[in-house]
Amino acid sequence: DKINYQKSYKLEADTNLSDIASAVSDTKKPIYITVL
């Protein structure tokens, strides 16, 4: 939530690359709609 699609981020608390990887992986899922 804090990173929120930024290009870079200044950490507010200690963490590791694995947690950052998980954080930036949860984004949005595309919806493809076909209409008649």
Full PDB file with SEQRES, HELIX, SHEET, SSBOND, CRYST1, ORIGX, SCALE, CONECT and MASTER records, all heavy atoms in Angstrom:
SEQRES   1 A   36  ASP LYS ILE ASN TYR GLN LYS SER TYR LYS LEU GLU ALA          
SEQRES   2 A   36  ASP THR ASN LEU SER ASP ILE ALA SER ALA VAL SER ASP          
SEQRES   3 A   36  THR LYS LYS PRO ILE TYR ILE THR VAL LEU                      
HELIX    1 AA1 LEU A   17  SER A   25  1                                   9    
CRYST1    1.000    1.000    1.000  90.00  90.00  90.00 P 1           1          
ORIGX1      1.000000  0.000000  0.000000        0.00000                         
ORIGX2      0.000000  1.000000  0.000000        0.00000                         
ORIGX3      0.000000  0.000000  1.000000        0.00000                         
SCALE1      1.000000  0.000000  0.000000        0.00000                         
SCALE2      0.000000  1.000000  0.000000        0.00000                         
SCALE3      0.000000  0.000000  1.000000        0.00000                         
ATOM      1  N   ASP A   1       0.822  -1.218   0.000  1.00  0.00           N  
ATOM      2  CA  ASP A   1       0.000   0.000   0.000  1.00  0.00           C  
ATOM      3  C   ASP A   1       0.856   1.268   0.000  1.00  0.00           C  
ATOM      4  O   ASP A   1       0.479   2.283  -0.594  1.00  0.00           O  
ATOM      5  CB  ASP A   1      -0.930   0.005   1.214  1.00  0.00           C  
ATOM      6  CG  ASP A   1      -1.966  -1.111   1.152  1.00  0.00           C  
ATOM      7  OD1 ASP A   1      -2.214  -1.619   0.037  1.00  0.00           O  
ATOM      8  OD2 ASP A   1      -2.505  -1.483   2.204  1.00  0.00           O  
ATOM      9  N   LYS A   2       2.003   1.202   0.661  1.00  0.00           N  
ATOM     10  CA  LYS A   2       2.879   2.380   0.719  1.00  0.00           C  
ATOM     11  C   LYS A   2       3.639   2.567  -0.593  1.00  0.00           C  
ATOM     12  O   LYS A   2       3.869   3.688  -1.039  1.00  0.00           O  
ATOM     13  CB  LYS A   2       3.846   2.239   1.888  1.00  0.00           C  
ATOM     14  CG  LYS A   2       3.154   2.375   3.250  1.00  0.00           C  
ATOM     15  CD  LYS A   2       4.123   2.109   4.391  1.00  0.00           C  
ATOM     16  CE  LYS A   2       3.419   2.265   5.735  1.00  0.00           C  
ATOM     17  NZ  LYS A   2       4.301   1.901   6.876  1.00  0.00           N  
ATOM     18  N   ILE A   3       4.060   1.460  -1.203  1.00  0.00           N  
ATOM     19  CA  ILE A   3       4.788   1.543  -2.480  1.00  0.00           C  
ATOM     20  C   ILE A   3       3.876   2.090  -3.571  1.00  0.00           C  
ATOM     21  O   ILE A   3       4.229   3.016  -4.304  1.00  0.00           O  
ATOM     22  CB  ILE A   3       5.350   0.164  -2.873  1.00  0.00           C  
ATOM     23  CG1 ILE A   3       6.495  -0.211  -1.941  1.00  0.00           C  
ATOM     24  CG2 ILE A   3       5.809   0.156  -4.321  1.00  0.00           C  
ATOM     25  CD1 ILE A   3       7.049  -1.608  -2.146  1.00  0.00           C  
ATOM     26  N   ASN A   4       2.714   1.501  -3.704  1.00  0.00           N  
ATOM     27  CA  ASN A   4       1.631   2.001  -4.570  1.00  0.00           C  
ATOM     28  C   ASN A   4       2.107   2.490  -5.951  1.00  0.00           C  
ATOM     29  O   ASN A   4       1.928   3.649  -6.324  1.00  0.00           O  
ATOM     30  CB  ASN A   4       0.875   3.124  -3.846  1.00  0.00           C  
ATOM     31  CG  ASN A   4      -0.478   3.390  -4.481  1.00  0.00           C  
ATOM     32  OD1 ASN A   4      -1.035   2.522  -5.163  1.00  0.00           O  
ATOM     33  ND2 ASN A   4      -0.995   4.590  -4.291  1.00  0.00           N  
ATOM     34  N   TYR A   5       2.701   1.578  -6.708  1.00  0.00           N  
ATOM     35  CA  TYR A   5       3.091   1.822  -8.108  1.00  0.00           C  
ATOM     36  C   TYR A   5       4.203   2.879  -8.287  1.00  0.00           C  
ATOM     37  O   TYR A   5       4.312   3.477  -9.343  1.00  0.00           O  
ATOM     38  CB  TYR A   5       1.878   2.219  -8.956  1.00  0.00           C  
ATOM     39  CG  TYR A   5       0.795   1.176  -9.008  1.00  0.00           C  
ATOM     40  CD1 TYR A   5      -0.424   1.385  -8.375  1.00  0.00           C  
ATOM     41  CD2 TYR A   5       0.981  -0.018  -9.696  1.00  0.00           C  
ATOM     42  CE1 TYR A   5      -1.429   0.433  -8.411  1.00  0.00           C  
ATOM     43  CE2 TYR A   5      -0.019  -0.977  -9.743  1.00  0.00           C  
ATOM     44  CZ  TYR A   5      -1.218  -0.751  -9.097  1.00  0.00           C  
ATOM     45  OH  TYR A   5      -2.207  -1.702  -9.149  1.00  0.00           O  
ATOM     46  N   GLN A   6       5.012   3.111  -7.289  1.00  0.00           N  
ATOM     47  CA  GLN A   6       6.110   4.064  -7.441  1.00  0.00           C  
ATOM     48  C   GLN A   6       7.288   3.418  -8.190  1.00  0.00           C  
ATOM     49  O   GLN A   6       7.398   2.203  -8.286  1.00  0.00           O  
ATOM     50  CB  GLN A   6       6.592   4.542  -6.068  1.00  0.00           C  
ATOM     51  CG  GLN A   6       5.539   5.312  -5.258  1.00  0.00           C  
ATOM     52  CD  GLN A   6       6.088   5.763  -3.919  1.00  0.00           C  
ATOM     53  OE1 GLN A   6       7.127   6.420  -3.871  1.00  0.00           O  
ATOM     54  NE2 GLN A   6       5.407   5.401  -2.837  1.00  0.00           N  
ATOM     55  N   LYS A   7       8.194   4.270  -8.715  1.00  0.00           N  
ATOM     56  CA  LYS A   7       9.384   3.767  -9.413  1.00  0.00           C  
ATOM     57  C   LYS A   7      10.508   3.456  -8.436  1.00  0.00           C  
ATOM     58  O   LYS A   7      11.379   2.623  -8.712  1.00  0.00           O  
ATOM     59  CB  LYS A   7       9.856   4.795 -10.447  1.00  0.00           C  
ATOM     60  CG  LYS A   7       8.900   4.950 -11.622  1.00  0.00           C  
ATOM     61  CD  LYS A   7       9.453   5.919 -12.651  1.00  0.00           C  
ATOM     62  CE  LYS A   7       8.506   6.046 -13.844  1.00  0.00           C  
ATOM     63  NZ  LYS A   7       9.043   6.984 -14.864  1.00  0.00           N  
ATOM     64  N   SER A   8      10.483   4.129  -7.312  1.00  0.00           N  
ATOM     65  CA  SER A   8      11.447   3.858  -6.241  1.00  0.00           C  
ATOM     66  C   SER A   8      10.762   4.135  -4.911  1.00  0.00           C  
ATOM     67  O   SER A   8       9.761   4.859  -4.851  1.00  0.00           O  
ATOM     68  CB  SER A   8      12.704   4.715  -6.387  1.00  0.00           C  
ATOM     69  OG  SER A   8      12.377   6.086  -6.283  1.00  0.00           O  
ATOM     70  N   TYR A   9      11.324   3.568  -3.848  1.00  0.00           N  
ATOM     71  CA  TYR A   9      10.663   3.727  -2.544  1.00  0.00           C  
ATOM     72  C   TYR A   9      11.707   3.765  -1.431  1.00  0.00           C  
ATOM     73  O   TYR A   9      12.633   2.946  -1.378  1.00  0.00           O  
ATOM     74  CB  TYR A   9       9.701   2.561  -2.308  1.00  0.00           C  
ATOM     75  CG  TYR A   9       9.048   2.582  -0.951  1.00  0.00           C  
ATOM     76  CD1 TYR A   9       8.136   3.578  -0.608  1.00  0.00           C  
ATOM     77  CD2 TYR A   9       9.355   1.610  -0.005  1.00  0.00           C  
ATOM     78  CE1 TYR A   9       7.551   3.609   0.647  1.00  0.00           C  
ATOM     79  CE2 TYR A   9       8.766   1.624   1.256  1.00  0.00           C  
ATOM     80  CZ  TYR A   9       7.860   2.628   1.567  1.00  0.00           C  
ATOM     81  OH  TYR A   9       7.278   2.654   2.810  1.00  0.00           O  
ATOM     82  N   LYS A  10      11.541   4.759  -0.557  1.00  0.00           N  
ATOM     83  CA  LYS A  10      12.403   4.889   0.611  1.00  0.00           C  
ATOM     84  C   LYS A  10      11.759   4.131   1.772  1.00  0.00           C  
ATOM     85  O   LYS A  10      10.668   4.469   2.231  1.00  0.00           O  
ATOM     86  CB  LYS A  10      12.569   6.370   0.970  1.00  0.00           C  
ATOM     87  CG  LYS A  10      13.567   6.617   2.094  1.00  0.00           C  
ATOM     88  CD  LYS A  10      13.739   8.124   2.325  1.00  0.00           C  
ATOM     89  CE  LYS A  10      14.755   8.395   3.422  1.00  0.00           C  
ATOM     90  NZ  LYS A  10      14.952   9.854   3.644  1.00  0.00           N  
ATOM     91  N   LEU A  11      12.444   3.104   2.222  1.00  0.00           N  
ATOM     92  CA  LEU A  11      11.883   2.229   3.247  1.00  0.00           C  
ATOM     93  C   LEU A  11      11.600   2.976   4.543  1.00  0.00           C  
ATOM     94  O   LEU A  11      12.425   3.756   5.016  1.00  0.00           O  
ATOM     95  CB  LEU A  11      12.839   1.065   3.534  1.00  0.00           C  
ATOM     96  CG  LEU A  11      13.122   0.097   2.380  1.00  0.00           C  
ATOM     97  CD1 LEU A  11      14.118  -0.968   2.823  1.00  0.00           C  
ATOM     98  CD2 LEU A  11      11.836  -0.545   1.886  1.00  0.00           C  
ATOM     99  N   GLU A  12      10.426   2.705   5.117  1.00  0.00           N  
ATOM    100  CA  GLU A  12      10.055   3.305   6.406  1.00  0.00           C  
ATOM    101  C   GLU A  12      10.357   2.365   7.567  1.00  0.00           C  
ATOM    102  O   GLU A  12      10.296   2.760   8.730  1.00  0.00           O  
ATOM    103  CB  GLU A  12       8.573   3.675   6.402  1.00  0.00           C  
ATOM    104  CG  GLU A  12       8.219   4.740   5.377  1.00  0.00           C  
ATOM    105  CD  GLU A  12       6.732   5.087   5.400  1.00  0.00           C  
ATOM    106  OE1 GLU A  12       6.042   4.628   6.326  1.00  0.00           O  
ATOM    107  OE2 GLU A  12       6.288   5.809   4.493  1.00  0.00           O  
ATOM    108  N   ALA A  13      10.635   1.107   7.231  1.00  0.00           N  
ATOM    109  CA  ALA A  13      10.952   0.114   8.262  1.00  0.00           C  
ATOM    110  C   ALA A  13      11.896  -0.927   7.670  1.00  0.00           C  
ATOM    111  O   ALA A  13      11.993  -1.058   6.446  1.00  0.00           O  
ATOM    112  CB  ALA A  13       9.679  -0.548   8.777  1.00  0.00           C  
ATOM    113  N   ASP A  14      12.596  -1.647   8.534  1.00  0.00           N  
ATOM    114  CA  ASP A  14      13.495  -2.693   8.057  1.00  0.00           C  
ATOM    115  C   ASP A  14      12.700  -3.771   7.320  1.00  0.00           C  
ATOM    116  O   ASP A  14      11.604  -4.159   7.758  1.00  0.00           O  
ATOM    117  CB  ASP A  14      14.222  -3.347   9.240  1.00  0.00           C  
ATOM    118  CG  ASP A  14      15.152  -2.364   9.946  1.00  0.00           C  
ATOM    119  OD1 ASP A  14      15.331  -1.241   9.423  1.00  0.00           O  
ATOM    120  OD2 ASP A  14      15.700  -2.731  11.009  1.00  0.00           O  
ATOM    121  N   THR A  15      13.273  -4.280   6.238  1.00  0.00           N  
ATOM    122  CA  THR A  15      12.607  -5.335   5.481  1.00  0.00           C  
ATOM    123  C   THR A  15      13.641  -6.088   4.661  1.00  0.00           C  
ATOM    124  O   THR A  15      14.849  -5.959   4.888  1.00  0.00           O  
ATOM    125  CB  THR A  15      11.490  -4.754   4.587  1.00  0.00           C  
ATOM    126  OG1 THR A  15      10.766  -5.840   3.998  1.00  0.00           O  
ATOM    127  CG2 THR A  15      12.045  -3.871   3.497  1.00  0.00           C  
ATOM    128  N   ASN A  16      13.203  -6.895   3.693  1.00  0.00           N  
ATOM    129  CA  ASN A  16      14.131  -7.615   2.816  1.00  0.00           C  
ATOM    130  C   ASN A  16      13.578  -7.627   1.402  1.00  0.00           C  
ATOM    131  O   ASN A  16      12.408  -7.251   1.158  1.00  0.00           O  
ATOM    132  CB  ASN A  16      14.367  -9.037   3.333  1.00  0.00           C  
ATOM    133  CG  ASN A  16      13.066  -9.809   3.503  1.00  0.00           C  
ATOM    134  OD1 ASN A  16      12.301  -9.952   2.561  1.00  0.00           O  
ATOM    135  ND2 ASN A  16      12.814 -10.289   4.716  1.00  0.00           N  
ATOM    136  N   LEU A  17      14.376  -8.071   0.455  1.00  0.00           N  
ATOM    137  CA  LEU A  17      13.960  -8.060  -0.958  1.00  0.00           C  
ATOM    138  C   LEU A  17      12.786  -8.988  -1.226  1.00  0.00           C  
ATOM    139  O   LEU A  17      11.950  -8.708  -2.086  1.00  0.00           O  
ATOM    140  CB  LEU A  17      15.148  -8.440  -1.853  1.00  0.00           C  
ATOM    141  CG  LEU A  17      16.214  -7.369  -2.100  1.00  0.00           C  
ATOM    142  CD1 LEU A  17      17.261  -7.882  -3.077  1.00  0.00           C  
ATOM    143  CD2 LEU A  17      15.595  -6.077  -2.630  1.00  0.00           C  
ATOM    144  N   SER A  18      12.708 -10.087  -0.488  1.00  0.00           N  
ATOM    145  CA  SER A  18      11.602 -11.043  -0.699  1.00  0.00           C  
ATOM    146  C   SER A  18      10.256 -10.406  -0.383  1.00  0.00           C  
ATOM    147  O   SER A  18       9.279 -10.567  -1.114  1.00  0.00           O  
ATOM    148  CB  SER A  18      11.808 -12.293   0.165  1.00  0.00           C  
ATOM    149  OG  SER A  18      12.938 -13.009  -0.256  1.00  0.00           O  
ATOM    150  N   ASP A  19      10.208  -9.660   0.731  1.00  0.00           N  
ATOM    151  CA  ASP A  19       8.952  -8.983   1.097  1.00  0.00           C  
ATOM    152  C   ASP A  19       8.610  -7.889   0.083  1.00  0.00           C  
ATOM    153  O   ASP A  19       7.434  -7.700  -0.266  1.00  0.00           O  
ATOM    154  CB  ASP A  19       9.064  -8.374   2.498  1.00  0.00           C  
ATOM    155  CG  ASP A  19       8.901  -9.416   3.588  1.00  0.00           C  
ATOM    156  OD1 ASP A  19       8.462 -10.538   3.263  1.00  0.00           O  
ATOM    157  OD2 ASP A  19       9.233  -9.122   4.752  1.00  0.00           O  
ATOM    158  N   ILE A  20       9.623  -7.188  -0.408  1.00  0.00           N  
ATOM    159  CA  ILE A  20       9.375  -6.152  -1.417  1.00  0.00           C  
ATOM    160  C   ILE A  20       8.860  -6.799  -2.701  1.00  0.00           C  
ATOM    161  O   ILE A  20       7.946  -6.285  -3.345  1.00  0.00           O  
ATOM    162  CB  ILE A  20      10.656  -5.337  -1.685  1.00  0.00           C  
ATOM    163  CG1 ILE A  20      11.101  -4.621  -0.415  1.00  0.00           C  
ATOM    164  CG2 ILE A  20      10.419  -4.319  -2.803  1.00  0.00           C  
ATOM    165  CD1 ILE A  20      12.457  -3.947  -0.521  1.00  0.00           C  
ATOM    166  N   ALA A  21       9.447  -7.951  -3.064  1.00  0.00           N  
ATOM    167  CA  ALA A  21       9.008  -8.670  -4.272  1.00  0.00           C  
ATOM    168  C   ALA A  21       7.545  -9.069  -4.164  1.00  0.00           C  
ATOM    169  O   ALA A  21       6.773  -8.941  -5.127  1.00  0.00           O  
ATOM    170  CB  ALA A  21       9.887  -9.897  -4.491  1.00  0.00           C  
ATOM    171  N   SER A  22       7.143  -9.547  -3.003  1.00  0.00           N  
ATOM    172  CA  SER A  22       5.730  -9.909  -2.793  1.00  0.00           C  
ATOM    173  C   SER A  22       4.837  -8.685  -2.885  1.00  0.00           C  
ATOM    174  O   SER A  22       3.759  -8.715  -3.484  1.00  0.00           O  
ATOM    175  CB  SER A  22       5.553 -10.579  -1.428  1.00  0.00           C  
ATOM    176  OG  SER A  22       6.231 -11.813  -1.374  1.00  0.00           O  
ATOM    177  N   ALA A  23       5.301  -7.565  -2.292  1.00  0.00           N  
ATOM    178  CA  ALA A  23       4.506  -6.334  -2.272  1.00  0.00           C  
ATOM    179  C   ALA A  23       4.255  -5.801  -3.684  1.00  0.00           C  
ATOM    180  O   ALA A  23       3.151  -5.341  -3.988  1.00  0.00           O  
ATOM    181  CB  ALA A  23       5.199  -5.282  -1.419  1.00  0.00           C  
ATOM    182  N   VAL A  24       5.285  -5.840  -4.545  1.00  0.00           N  
ATOM    183  CA  VAL A  24       5.121  -5.283  -5.895  1.00  0.00           C  
ATOM    184  C   VAL A  24       4.460  -6.267  -6.852  1.00  0.00           C  
ATOM    185  O   VAL A  24       4.133  -5.918  -7.987  1.00  0.00           O  
ATOM    186  CB  VAL A  24       6.475  -4.812  -6.481  1.00  0.00           C  
ATOM    187  CG1 VAL A  24       7.088  -3.728  -5.616  1.00  0.00           C  
ATOM    188  CG2 VAL A  24       7.446  -5.985  -6.645  1.00  0.00           C  
ATOM    189  N   SER A  25       4.264  -7.515  -6.409  1.00  0.00           N  
ATOM    190  CA  SER A  25       3.638  -8.529  -7.264  1.00  0.00           C  
ATOM    191  C   SER A  25       2.112  -8.496  -7.189  1.00  0.00           C  
ATOM    192  O   SER A  25       1.423  -8.952  -8.101  1.00  0.00           O  
ATOM    193  CB  SER A  25       4.128  -9.928  -6.857  1.00  0.00           C  
ATOM    194  OG  SER A  25       5.515 -10.059  -7.050  1.00  0.00           O  
ATOM    195  N   ASP A  26       1.592  -7.994  -6.069  1.00  0.00           N  
ATOM    196  CA  ASP A  26       0.135  -7.928  -5.892  1.00  0.00           C  
ATOM    197  C   ASP A  26      -0.377  -6.631  -6.515  1.00  0.00           C  
ATOM    198  O   ASP A  26      -0.325  -5.572  -5.894  1.00  0.00           O  
ATOM    199  CB  ASP A  26      -0.199  -7.982  -4.401  1.00  0.00           C  
ATOM    200  CG  ASP A  26      -1.700  -7.947  -4.143  1.00  0.00           C  
ATOM    201  OD1 ASP A  26      -2.469  -8.197  -5.088  1.00  0.00           O  
ATOM    202  OD2 ASP A  26      -2.088  -7.655  -2.997  1.00  0.00           O  
ATOM    203  N   THR A  27      -0.848  -6.710  -7.741  1.00  0.00           N  
ATOM    204  CA  THR A  27      -1.305  -5.509  -8.440  1.00  0.00           C  
ATOM    205  C   THR A  27      -2.792  -5.645  -8.800  1.00  0.00           C  
ATOM    206  O   THR A  27      -3.640  -5.650  -7.928  1.00  0.00           O  
ATOM    207  CB  THR A  27      -0.449  -5.273  -9.696  1.00  0.00           C  
ATOM    208  OG1 THR A  27      -0.451  -6.461 -10.525  1.00  0.00           O  
ATOM    209  CG2 THR A  27       0.981  -4.957  -9.323  1.00  0.00           C  
ATOM    210  N   LYS A  28      -3.065  -5.766 -10.058  1.00  0.00           N  
ATOM    211  CA  LYS A  28      -4.458  -5.891 -10.493  1.00  0.00           C  
ATOM    212  C   LYS A  28      -4.561  -6.934 -11.592  1.00  0.00           C  
ATOM    213  O   LYS A  28      -3.608  -7.194 -12.329  1.00  0.00           O  
ATOM    214  CB  LYS A  28      -4.999  -4.551 -10.970  1.00  0.00           C  
ATOM    215  CG  LYS A  28      -4.112  -3.818 -11.960  1.00  0.00           C  
ATOM    216  CD  LYS A  28      -4.598  -2.400 -12.166  1.00  0.00           C  
ATOM    217  CE  LYS A  28      -3.665  -1.621 -13.112  1.00  0.00           C  
ATOM    218  NZ  LYS A  28      -4.073  -0.216 -13.252  1.00  0.00           N  
ATOM    219  N   LYS A  29      -5.741  -7.527 -11.687  1.00  0.00           N  
ATOM    220  CA  LYS A  29      -5.965  -8.584 -12.668  1.00  0.00           C  
ATOM    221  C   LYS A  29      -6.841  -8.033 -13.799  1.00  0.00           C  
ATOM    222  O   LYS A  29      -7.897  -7.439 -13.533  1.00  0.00           O  
ATOM    223  CB  LYS A  29      -6.644  -9.778 -12.008  1.00  0.00           C  
ATOM    224  CG  LYS A  29      -5.814 -10.421 -10.890  1.00  0.00           C  
ATOM    225  CD  LYS A  29      -6.583 -11.554 -10.235  1.00  0.00           C  
ATOM    226  CE  LYS A  29      -5.707 -12.289  -9.228  1.00  0.00           C  
ATOM    227  NZ  LYS A  29      -5.437 -11.492  -8.024  1.00  0.00           N  
ATOM    228  N   PRO A  30      -6.430  -8.208 -15.046  1.00  0.00           N  
ATOM    229  CA  PRO A  30      -7.223  -7.677 -16.164  1.00  0.00           C  
ATOM    230  C   PRO A  30      -8.520  -8.445 -16.358  1.00  0.00           C  
ATOM    231  O   PRO A  30      -8.600  -9.641 -16.065  1.00  0.00           O  
ATOM    232  CB  PRO A  30      -6.285  -7.865 -17.362  1.00  0.00           C  
ATOM    233  CG  PRO A  30      -5.456  -9.047 -16.998  1.00  0.00           C  
ATOM    234  CD  PRO A  30      -5.249  -8.953 -15.505  1.00  0.00           C  
ATOM    235  N   ILE A  31      -9.517  -7.730 -16.819  1.00  0.00           N  
ATOM    236  CA  ILE A  31     -10.824  -8.348 -17.121  1.00  0.00           C  
ATOM    237  C   ILE A  31     -11.088  -8.138 -18.607  1.00  0.00           C  
ATOM    238  O   ILE A  31     -11.129  -7.005 -19.088  1.00  0.00           O  
ATOM    239  CB  ILE A  31     -11.954  -7.712 -16.284  1.00  0.00           C  
ATOM    240  CG1 ILE A  31     -11.642  -7.868 -14.785  1.00  0.00           C  
ATOM    241  CG2 ILE A  31     -13.299  -8.341 -16.625  1.00  0.00           C  
ATOM    242  CD1 ILE A  31     -12.577  -7.076 -13.888  1.00  0.00           C  
ATOM    243  N   TYR A  32     -11.263  -9.237 -19.324  1.00  0.00           N  
ATOM    244  CA  TYR A  32     -11.518  -9.170 -20.764  1.00  0.00           C  
ATOM    245  C   TYR A  32     -13.000  -9.494 -21.007  1.00  0.00           C  
ATOM    246  O   TYR A  32     -13.458 -10.605 -20.709  1.00  0.00           O  
ATOM    247  CB  TYR A  32     -10.628 -10.159 -21.513  1.00  0.00           C  
ATOM    248  CG  TYR A  32      -9.157  -9.892 -21.345  1.00  0.00           C  
ATOM    249  CD1 TYR A  32      -8.418 -10.541 -20.355  1.00  0.00           C  
ATOM    250  CD2 TYR A  32      -8.497  -8.980 -22.168  1.00  0.00           C  
ATOM    251  CE1 TYR A  32      -7.061 -10.287 -20.187  1.00  0.00           C  
ATOM    252  CE2 TYR A  32      -7.134  -8.724 -22.010  1.00  0.00           C  
ATOM    253  CZ  TYR A  32      -6.425  -9.385 -21.016  1.00  0.00           C  
ATOM    254  OH  TYR A  32      -5.078  -9.136 -20.853  1.00  0.00           O  
ATOM    255  N   ILE A  33     -13.733  -8.521 -21.512  1.00  0.00           N  
ATOM    256  CA  ILE A  33     -15.179  -8.672 -21.709  1.00  0.00           C  
ATOM    257  C   ILE A  33     -15.509  -8.708 -23.191  1.00  0.00           C  
ATOM    258  O   ILE A  33     -15.046  -7.867 -23.965  1.00  0.00           O  
ATOM    259  CB  ILE A  33     -15.944  -7.524 -21.023  1.00  0.00           C  
ATOM    260  CG1 ILE A  33     -15.670  -7.532 -19.512  1.00  0.00           C  
ATOM    261  CG2 ILE A  33     -17.445  -7.626 -21.292  1.00  0.00           C  
ATOM    262  CD1 ILE A  33     -16.317  -6.393 -18.755  1.00  0.00           C  
ATOM    263  N   THR A  34     -16.309  -9.706 -23.558  1.00  0.00           N  
ATOM    264  CA  THR A  34     -16.844  -9.811 -24.917  1.00  0.00           C  
ATOM    265  C   THR A  34     -18.335  -9.543 -24.857  1.00  0.00           C  
ATOM    266  O   THR A  34     -19.045 -10.149 -24.041  1.00  0.00           O  
ATOM    267  CB  THR A  34     -16.588 -11.210 -25.507  1.00  0.00           C  
ATOM    268  OG1 THR A  34     -15.192 -11.475 -25.519  1.00  0.00           O  
ATOM    269  CG2 THR A  34     -17.132 -11.308 -26.927  1.00  0.00           C  
ATOM    270  N   VAL A  35     -18.813  -8.625 -25.690  1.00  0.00           N  
ATOM    271  CA  VAL A  35     -20.247  -8.310 -25.716  1.00  0.00           C  
ATOM    272  C   VAL A  35     -20.837  -8.709 -27.067  1.00  0.00           C  
ATOM    273  O   VAL A  35     -20.118  -8.862 -28.065  1.00  0.00           O  
ATOM    274  CB  VAL A  35     -20.498  -6.806 -25.456  1.00  0.00           C  
ATOM    275  CG1 VAL A  35     -19.967  -6.405 -24.092  1.00  0.00           C  
ATOM    276  CG2 VAL A  35     -19.887  -5.946 -26.547  1.00  0.00           C  
ATOM    277  N   LEU A  36     -22.154  -8.891 -27.051  1.00  0.00           N  
ATOM    278  CA  LEU A  36     -22.891  -9.091 -28.297  1.00  0.00           C  
ATOM    279  C   LEU A  36     -23.569  -7.779 -28.650  1.00  0.00           C  
ATOM    280  O   LEU A  36     -24.331  -7.230 -27.846  1.00  0.00           O  
ATOM    281  CB  LEU A  36     -23.933 -10.205 -28.142  1.00  0.00           C  
ATOM    282  CG  LEU A  36     -23.416 -11.642 -27.984  1.00  0.00           C  
ATOM    283  CD1 LEU A  36     -24.581 -12.600 -27.808  1.00  0.00           C  
ATOM    284  CD2 LEU A  36     -22.577 -12.051 -29.185  1.00  0.00           C  
TER     285      LEU A  36                                                      
MASTER        0    0    0    1    0    0    0    6  284    1    0    3          
END                                                                             
